């Protein structure tokens, strides 16, 4: 069955992308770990930073929650809340402050009607459907020699790739807003801001790697389809 064996397209497209994704994950973990040990001299915790930036942007209605896990931080527009992981919430580290400010950046995007995040949200259900059924449909098409099924699978998988591409400017913009807020409100001293930037850049590279991996899998699927046409 295609996608479950080692073909030449897997070696050409997917393996390099997976290596890149692994390196990006390793880099973000090591970068976060490094700056998690550097505590802000001004003493703000990540949760306090999130609250400060939210209030400065008239987003008092956004709630800040603590959740389990490591680097499981996220902003939920449905509940209008920011969830900060255990390692981040009460930490005054440069890394944690950067992460918290980034999630606030997403809240600000929603609050200001930032167009790319609206487009991204529109594609969320489509991407979810694609991630669930695109490969099974394509595999069924390959097994039974049904070209239309493979084409539907490729189309659905392309929606995943499109979603990943749309996500990139949203994430980079949230990081830019985070750094701007940190500097504007004097949350970190000038020599500490660089550490926050490195943490957020490392995190952004994981999204780049995820996009490349999705593109690689799409190219593989298309190449397999071309071979059987």
C-alpha atoms as a PDB file:
ATOM      1  CA  UNK A   1       0.000   0.000   0.000  1.00  0.00           C
ATOM      2  CA  UNK A   2       1.385   3.451  -0.886  1.00  0.00           C
ATOM      3  CA  UNK A   3       2.458   5.610   2.047  1.00  0.00           C
ATOM      4  CA  UNK A   4       3.230   2.518   4.124  1.00  0.00           C
ATOM      5  CA  UNK A   5       6.391   1.340   2.430  1.00  0.00           C
ATOM      6  CA  UNK A   6       9.794   2.834   1.665  1.00  0.00           C
ATOM      7  CA  UNK A   7       9.684   3.989  -1.952  1.00  0.00           C
ATOM      8  CA  UNK A   8      12.159   6.256  -3.711  1.00  0.00           C
ATOM      9  CA  UNK A   9       9.888   9.271  -3.316  1.00  0.00           C
ATOM     10  CA  UNK A  10       9.856   8.765   0.431  1.00  0.00           C
ATOM     11  CA  UNK A  11      13.652   8.862   0.379  1.00  0.00           C
ATOM     12  CA  UNK A  12      13.783  11.864  -1.952  1.00  0.00           C
ATOM     13  CA  UNK A  13      11.058  14.036  -0.437  1.00  0.00           C
ATOM     14  CA  UNK A  14       9.994  12.884   3.002  1.00  0.00           C
ATOM     15  CA  UNK A  15      13.183  11.724   4.742  1.00  0.00           C
ATOM     16  CA  UNK A  16      14.985  15.097   4.311  1.00  0.00           C
ATOM     17  CA  UNK A  17      11.868  16.927   5.547  1.00  0.00           C
ATOM     18  CA  UNK A  18      11.617  14.656   8.591  1.00  0.00           C
ATOM     19  CA  UNK A  19      15.264  15.260   9.410  1.00  0.00           C
ATOM     20  CA  UNK A  20      14.659  19.004   9.160  1.00  0.00           C
ATOM     21  CA  UNK A  21      11.611  18.699  11.435  1.00  0.00           C
ATOM     22  CA  UNK A  22      13.611  16.704  13.971  1.00  0.00           C
ATOM     23  CA  UNK A  23      16.382  19.308  13.977  1.00  0.00           C
ATOM     24  CA  UNK A  24      13.840  22.125  14.382  1.00  0.00           C
ATOM     25  CA  UNK A  25      12.231  20.371  17.364  1.00  0.00           C
ATOM     26  CA  UNK A  26      15.593  19.688  18.947  1.00  0.00           C
ATOM     27  CA  UNK A  27      16.596  23.311  18.411  1.00  0.00           C
ATOM     28  CA  UNK A  28      13.468  24.776  20.005  1.00  0.00           C
ATOM     29  CA  UNK A  29      13.818  22.494  23.022  1.00  0.00           C
ATOM     30  CA  UNK A  30      17.477  23.357  23.551  1.00  0.00           C
ATOM     31  CA  UNK A  31      16.881  27.080  22.990  1.00  0.00           C
ATOM     32  CA  UNK A  32      13.944  27.142  25.402  1.00  0.00           C
ATOM     33  CA  UNK A  33      15.939  25.157  27.957  1.00  0.00           C
ATOM     34  CA  UNK A  34      18.825  27.607  27.715  1.00  0.00           C
ATOM     35  CA  UNK A  35      16.733  30.728  28.243  1.00  0.00           C
ATOM     36  CA  UNK A  36      14.464  29.042  30.781  1.00  0.00           C
ATOM     37  CA  UNK A  37      17.484  29.306  33.077  1.00  0.00           C
ATOM     38  CA  UNK A  38      17.862  33.049  32.483  1.00  0.00           C
ATOM     39  CA  UNK A  39      15.478  34.895  34.779  1.00  0.00           C
ATOM     40  CA  UNK A  40      14.250  38.384  34.009  1.00  0.00           C
ATOM     41  CA  UNK A  41      15.830  40.946  36.299  1.00  0.00           C
ATOM     42  CA  UNK A  42      12.515  42.795  36.464  1.00  0.00           C
ATOM     43  CA  UNK A  43      10.863  39.741  37.984  1.00  0.00           C
ATOM     44  CA  UNK A  44       7.667  39.453  35.928  1.00  0.00           C
ATOM     45  CA  UNK A  45       6.247  35.952  35.614  1.00  0.00           C
ATOM     46  CA  UNK A  46       4.959  34.799  32.234  1.00  0.00           C
ATOM     47  CA  UNK A  47       1.354  34.973  33.465  1.00  0.00           C
ATOM     48  CA  UNK A  48       1.890  38.518  34.727  1.00  0.00           C
ATOM     49  CA  UNK A  49       3.407  39.499  31.398  1.00  0.00           C
ATOM     50  CA  UNK A  50       0.437  38.048  29.533  1.00  0.00           C
ATOM     51  CA  UNK A  51      -1.995  39.944  31.747  1.00  0.00           C
ATOM     52  CA  UNK A  52      -0.048  43.181  31.391  1.00  0.00           C
ATOM     53  CA  UNK A  53       0.092  43.078  27.596  1.00  0.00           C
ATOM     54  CA  UNK A  54      -3.551  42.049  27.330  1.00  0.00           C
ATOM     55  CA  UNK A  55      -4.667  44.906  29.560  1.00  0.00           C
ATOM     56  CA  UNK A  56      -2.532  47.400  27.644  1.00  0.00           C
ATOM     57  CA  UNK A  57      -4.368  46.309  24.489  1.00  0.00           C
ATOM     58  CA  UNK A  58      -7.834  46.575  26.087  1.00  0.00           C
ATOM     59  CA  UNK A  59      -8.247  42.803  26.136  1.00  0.00           C
ATOM     60  CA  UNK A  60      -9.246  42.477  29.777  1.00  0.00           C
ATOM     61  CA  UNK A  61     -11.855  39.863  28.818  1.00  0.00           C
ATOM     62  CA  UNK A  62      -9.180  37.342  27.781  1.00  0.00           C
ATOM     63  CA  UNK A  63      -8.630  34.801  30.550  1.00  0.00           C
ATOM     64  CA  UNK A  64      -5.241  33.300  31.430  1.00  0.00           C
ATOM     65  CA  UNK A  65      -5.212  29.632  32.423  1.00  0.00           C
ATOM     66  CA  UNK A  66      -2.575  27.158  33.538  1.00  0.00           C
ATOM     67  CA  UNK A  67      -2.446  23.782  31.773  1.00  0.00           C
ATOM     68  CA  UNK A  68      -0.324  20.689  32.095  1.00  0.00           C
ATOM     69  CA  UNK A  69       2.366  19.572  29.699  1.00  0.00           C
ATOM     70  CA  UNK A  70       5.553  21.068  28.329  1.00  0.00           C
ATOM     71  CA  UNK A  71       5.317  23.845  25.736  1.00  0.00           C
ATOM     72  CA  UNK A  72       1.581  23.208  25.380  1.00  0.00           C
ATOM     73  CA  UNK A  73       0.805  26.925  25.388  1.00  0.00           C
ATOM     74  CA  UNK A  74      -1.960  28.166  23.108  1.00  0.00           C
ATOM     75  CA  UNK A  75      -4.600  30.812  22.576  1.00  0.00           C
ATOM     76  CA  UNK A  76      -8.183  29.585  22.166  1.00  0.00           C
ATOM     77  CA  UNK A  77     -10.381  32.107  20.339  1.00  0.00           C
ATOM     78  CA  UNK A  78     -13.532  30.110  21.149  1.00  0.00           C
ATOM     79  CA  UNK A  79     -13.142  30.451  24.907  1.00  0.00           C
ATOM     80  CA  UNK A  80     -11.160  33.685  24.552  1.00  0.00           C
ATOM     81  CA  UNK A  81      -8.448  32.333  26.814  1.00  0.00           C
ATOM     82  CA  UNK A  82      -4.701  31.871  26.860  1.00  0.00           C
ATOM     83  CA  UNK A  83      -3.427  28.601  28.300  1.00  0.00           C
ATOM     84  CA  UNK A  84       0.136  28.607  29.623  1.00  0.00           C
ATOM     85  CA  UNK A  85       1.906  25.348  30.402  1.00  0.00           C
ATOM     86  CA  UNK A  86       3.233  24.440  33.839  1.00  0.00           C
ATOM     87  CA  UNK A  87       6.818  25.295  32.846  1.00  0.00           C
ATOM     88  CA  UNK A  88       5.761  28.712  31.597  1.00  0.00           C
ATOM     89  CA  UNK A  89       2.896  30.059  33.730  1.00  0.00           C
ATOM     90  CA  UNK A  90       4.704  31.065  36.943  1.00  0.00           C
ATOM     91  CA  UNK A  91       8.200  31.306  35.532  1.00  0.00           C
ATOM     92  CA  UNK A  92      10.035  34.655  35.333  1.00  0.00           C
ATOM     93  CA  UNK A  93      12.431  33.294  32.717  1.00  0.00           C
ATOM     94  CA  UNK A  94      13.192  35.053  29.453  1.00  0.00           C
ATOM     95  CA  UNK A  95      12.003  31.966  27.545  1.00  0.00           C
ATOM     96  CA  UNK A  96       8.657  31.767  29.343  1.00  0.00           C
ATOM     97  CA  UNK A  97       8.012  35.473  28.954  1.00  0.00           C
ATOM     98  CA  UNK A  98       8.648  35.201  25.221  1.00  0.00           C
ATOM     99  CA  UNK A  99       6.252  32.277  24.879  1.00  0.00           C
ATOM    100  CA  UNK A 100       3.509  33.999  26.892  1.00  0.00           C
ATOM    101  CA  UNK A 101       3.871  37.211  24.902  1.00  0.00           C
ATOM    102  CA  UNK A 102       3.616  35.206  21.675  1.00  0.00           C
ATOM    103  CA  UNK A 103       0.284  33.710  22.724  1.00  0.00           C
ATOM    104  CA  UNK A 104      -0.929  37.188  23.633  1.00  0.00           C
ATOM    105  CA  UNK A 105       0.103  38.166  20.116  1.00  0.00           C
ATOM    106  CA  UNK A 106      -2.535  35.763  18.803  1.00  0.00           C
ATOM    107  CA  UNK A 107      -5.144  37.301  21.100  1.00  0.00           C
ATOM    108  CA  UNK A 108      -4.236  40.734  19.754  1.00  0.00           C
ATOM    109  CA  UNK A 109      -4.561  39.415  16.198  1.00  0.00           C
ATOM    110  CA  UNK A 110      -8.111  38.321  16.948  1.00  0.00           C
ATOM    111  CA  UNK A 111      -8.884  41.538  18.766  1.00  0.00           C
ATOM    112  CA  UNK A 112      -7.715  43.694  15.861  1.00  0.00           C
ATOM    113  CA  UNK A 113      -9.266  41.574  13.111  1.00  0.00           C
ATOM    114  CA  UNK A 114      -5.917  40.543  11.614  1.00  0.00           C
ATOM    115  CA  UNK A 115      -6.869  39.172   8.177  1.00  0.00           C
ATOM    116  CA  UNK A 116      -4.468  36.188   7.908  1.00  0.00           C
ATOM    117  CA  UNK A 117      -5.746  34.664  11.158  1.00  0.00           C
ATOM    118  CA  UNK A 118      -9.320  34.961   9.875  1.00  0.00           C
ATOM    119  CA  UNK A 119      -8.293  33.091   6.734  1.00  0.00           C
ATOM    120  CA  UNK A 120      -6.460  30.494   8.844  1.00  0.00           C
ATOM    121  CA  UNK A 121      -9.502  29.947  11.044  1.00  0.00           C
ATOM    122  CA  UNK A 122     -11.654  29.461   7.949  1.00  0.00           C
ATOM    123  CA  UNK A 123      -9.383  26.623   6.818  1.00  0.00           C
ATOM    124  CA  UNK A 124      -9.191  24.875  10.214  1.00  0.00           C
ATOM    125  CA  UNK A 125     -12.198  22.539   9.672  1.00  0.00           C
ATOM    126  CA  UNK A 126     -11.128  21.847   6.092  1.00  0.00           C
ATOM    127  CA  UNK A 127      -7.599  20.978   7.209  1.00  0.00           C
ATOM    128  CA  UNK A 128      -8.986  18.771   9.983  1.00  0.00           C
ATOM    129  CA  UNK A 129     -11.046  16.821   7.481  1.00  0.00           C
ATOM    130  CA  UNK A 130      -8.051  16.517   5.188  1.00  0.00           C
ATOM    131  CA  UNK A 131      -5.769  15.242   7.932  1.00  0.00           C
ATOM    132  CA  UNK A 132      -8.331  12.571   8.856  1.00  0.00           C
ATOM    133  CA  UNK A 133      -9.403  11.129   5.521  1.00  0.00           C
ATOM    134  CA  UNK A 134      -7.049  12.310   2.740  1.00  0.00           C
ATOM    135  CA  UNK A 135      -4.515   9.473   3.030  1.00  0.00           C
ATOM    136  CA  UNK A 136      -7.084   6.671   3.553  1.00  0.00           C
ATOM    137  CA  UNK A 137      -8.996   7.872   0.490  1.00  0.00           C
ATOM    138  CA  UNK A 138      -5.821   8.052  -1.600  1.00  0.00           C
ATOM    139  CA  UNK A 139      -4.718   4.589  -0.445  1.00  0.00           C
ATOM    140  CA  UNK A 140      -8.122   3.148  -1.310  1.00  0.00           C
ATOM    141  CA  UNK A 141      -7.817   4.715  -4.743  1.00  0.00           C
ATOM    142  CA  UNK A 142      -4.382   3.154  -5.272  1.00  0.00           C
ATOM    143  CA  UNK A 143      -5.506  -0.284  -4.072  1.00  0.00           C
ATOM    144  CA  UNK A 144      -8.631  -0.441  -6.205  1.00  0.00           C
ATOM    145  CA  UNK A 145      -7.185   1.437  -9.161  1.00  0.00           C
ATOM    146  CA  UNK A 146      -9.734   4.228  -8.834  1.00  0.00           C
ATOM    147  CA  UNK A 147      -8.137   7.404 -10.156  1.00  0.00           C
ATOM    148  CA  UNK A 148     -10.889   9.775  -8.888  1.00  0.00           C
ATOM    149  CA  UNK A 149     -10.368   8.599  -5.302  1.00  0.00           C
ATOM    150  CA  UNK A 150      -6.651   9.297  -5.496  1.00  0.00           C
ATOM    151  CA  UNK A 151      -7.374  12.738  -6.940  1.00  0.00           C
ATOM    152  CA  UNK A 152      -9.783  13.485  -4.071  1.00  0.00           C
ATOM    153  CA  UNK A 153      -7.152  12.341  -1.576  1.00  0.00           C
ATOM    154  CA  UNK A 154      -4.549  14.607  -3.160  1.00  0.00           C
ATOM    155  CA  UNK A 155      -6.973  17.547  -3.166  1.00  0.00           C
ATOM    156  CA  UNK A 156      -7.792  17.043   0.521  1.00  0.00           C
ATOM    157  CA  UNK A 157      -4.129  16.690   1.432  1.00  0.00           C
ATOM    158  CA  UNK A 158      -3.362  19.899  -0.469  1.00  0.00           C
ATOM    159  CA  UNK A 159      -5.738  21.650   1.938  1.00  0.00           C
ATOM    160  CA  UNK A 160      -3.441  20.580   4.782  1.00  0.00           C
ATOM    161  CA  UNK A 161      -0.485  22.081   2.936  1.00  0.00           C
ATOM    162  CA  UNK A 162      -2.403  25.296   2.268  1.00  0.00           C
ATOM    163  CA  UNK A 163      -3.326  25.517   5.944  1.00  0.00           C
ATOM    164  CA  UNK A 164       0.321  25.109   6.949  1.00  0.00           C
ATOM    165  CA  UNK A 165       1.391  27.838   4.527  1.00  0.00           C
ATOM    166  CA  UNK A 166      -1.287  30.221   5.821  1.00  0.00           C
ATOM    167  CA  UNK A 167      -0.168  29.492   9.389  1.00  0.00           C
ATOM    168  CA  UNK A 168       3.360  30.796   8.797  1.00  0.00           C
ATOM    169  CA  UNK A 169       2.603  34.546   8.550  1.00  0.00           C
ATOM    170  CA  UNK A 170       0.218  34.232  11.497  1.00  0.00           C
ATOM    171  CA  UNK A 171       2.929  32.749  13.706  1.00  0.00           C
ATOM    172  CA  UNK A 172       5.659  35.159  12.615  1.00  0.00           C
ATOM    173  CA  UNK A 173       3.332  38.105  13.116  1.00  0.00           C
ATOM    174  CA  UNK A 174       2.410  36.931  16.628  1.00  0.00           C
ATOM    175  CA  UNK A 175       6.105  36.746  17.487  1.00  0.00           C
ATOM    176  CA  UNK A 176       6.712  40.232  16.109  1.00  0.00           C
ATOM    177  CA  UNK A 177       3.848  41.578  18.198  1.00  0.00           C
ATOM    178  CA  UNK A 178       5.284  39.782  21.234  1.00  0.00           C
ATOM    179  CA  UNK A 179       8.703  41.384  20.884  1.00  0.00           C
ATOM    180  CA  UNK A 180       7.203  44.807  20.158  1.00  0.00           C
ATOM    181  CA  UNK A 181       5.127  44.571  23.341  1.00  0.00           C
ATOM    182  CA  UNK A 182       8.065  43.365  25.423  1.00  0.00           C
ATOM    183  CA  UNK A 183      10.150  46.318  24.275  1.00  0.00           C
ATOM    184  CA  UNK A 184       7.377  48.918  24.370  1.00  0.00           C
ATOM    185  CA  UNK A 185       6.297  48.094  27.919  1.00  0.00           C
ATOM    186  CA  UNK A 186       9.804  47.515  29.237  1.00  0.00           C
ATOM    187  CA  UNK A 187       9.069  43.965  30.318  1.00  0.00           C
ATOM    188  CA  UNK A 188      12.602  42.765  29.635  1.00  0.00           C
ATOM    189  CA  UNK A 189      15.765  44.796  29.813  1.00  0.00           C
ATOM    190  CA  UNK A 190      17.416  45.421  26.420  1.00  0.00           C
ATOM    191  CA  UNK A 191      20.082  42.748  26.890  1.00  0.00           C
ATOM    192  CA  UNK A 192      17.407  40.128  27.680  1.00  0.00           C
ATOM    193  CA  UNK A 193      15.222  40.774  24.646  1.00  0.00           C
ATOM    194  CA  UNK A 194      17.651  38.921  22.389  1.00  0.00           C
ATOM    195  CA  UNK A 195      17.004  35.697  24.293  1.00  0.00           C
ATOM    196  CA  UNK A 196      13.253  36.031  23.832  1.00  0.00           C
ATOM    197  CA  UNK A 197      13.771  36.642  20.123  1.00  0.00           C
ATOM    198  CA  UNK A 198      15.876  33.475  19.804  1.00  0.00           C
ATOM    199  CA  UNK A 199      13.237  31.383  21.566  1.00  0.00           C
ATOM    200  CA  UNK A 200      10.458  32.689  19.325  1.00  0.00           C
ATOM    201  CA  UNK A 201      12.536  32.305  16.169  1.00  0.00           C
ATOM    202  CA  UNK A 202      13.340  28.708  17.102  1.00  0.00           C
ATOM    203  CA  UNK A 203       9.639  28.063  17.671  1.00  0.00           C
ATOM    204  CA  UNK A 204       8.788  29.638  14.311  1.00  0.00           C
ATOM    205  CA  UNK A 205      11.229  27.287  12.568  1.00  0.00           C
ATOM    206  CA  UNK A 206       9.165  24.308  13.762  1.00  0.00           C
ATOM    207  CA  UNK A 207       6.222  25.704  11.779  1.00  0.00           C
ATOM    208  CA  UNK A 208       8.460  26.133   8.744  1.00  0.00           C
ATOM    209  CA  UNK A 209       9.643  22.534   9.114  1.00  0.00           C
ATOM    210  CA  UNK A 210       6.056  21.298   9.479  1.00  0.00           C
ATOM    211  CA  UNK A 211       5.110  23.119   6.281  1.00  0.00           C
ATOM    212  CA  UNK A 212       8.048  21.627   4.397  1.00  0.00           C
ATOM    213  CA  UNK A 213       7.127  18.159   5.667  1.00  0.00           C
ATOM    214  CA  UNK A 214       3.537  18.587   4.488  1.00  0.00           C
ATOM    215  CA  UNK A 215       4.737  19.752   1.070  1.00  0.00           C
ATOM    216  CA  UNK A 216       7.130  16.799   0.876  1.00  0.00           C
ATOM    217  CA  UNK A 217       4.334  14.324   1.583  1.00  0.00           C
ATOM    218  CA  UNK A 218       2.128  15.995  -1.009  1.00  0.00           C
ATOM    219  CA  UNK A 219       4.888  15.780  -3.613  1.00  0.00           C
ATOM    220  CA  UNK A 220       5.351  12.101  -2.792  1.00  0.00           C
ATOM    221  CA  UNK A 221       1.636  11.433  -3.149  1.00  0.00           C
ATOM    222  CA  UNK A 222       1.527  13.251  -6.480  1.00  0.00           C
ATOM    223  CA  UNK A 223       4.612  11.392  -7.742  1.00  0.00           C
ATOM    224  CA  UNK A 224       3.106   8.020  -6.807  1.00  0.00           C
ATOM    225  CA  UNK A 225      -0.107   9.004  -8.559  1.00  0.00           C
ATOM    226  CA  UNK A 226       1.827  10.054 -11.673  1.00  0.00           C
ATOM    227  CA  UNK A 227       3.643   6.703 -11.759  1.00  0.00           C
ATOM    228  CA  UNK A 228       0.319   4.851 -11.756  1.00  0.00           C
ATOM    229  CA  UNK A 229      -1.400   7.054 -14.321  1.00  0.00           C
END
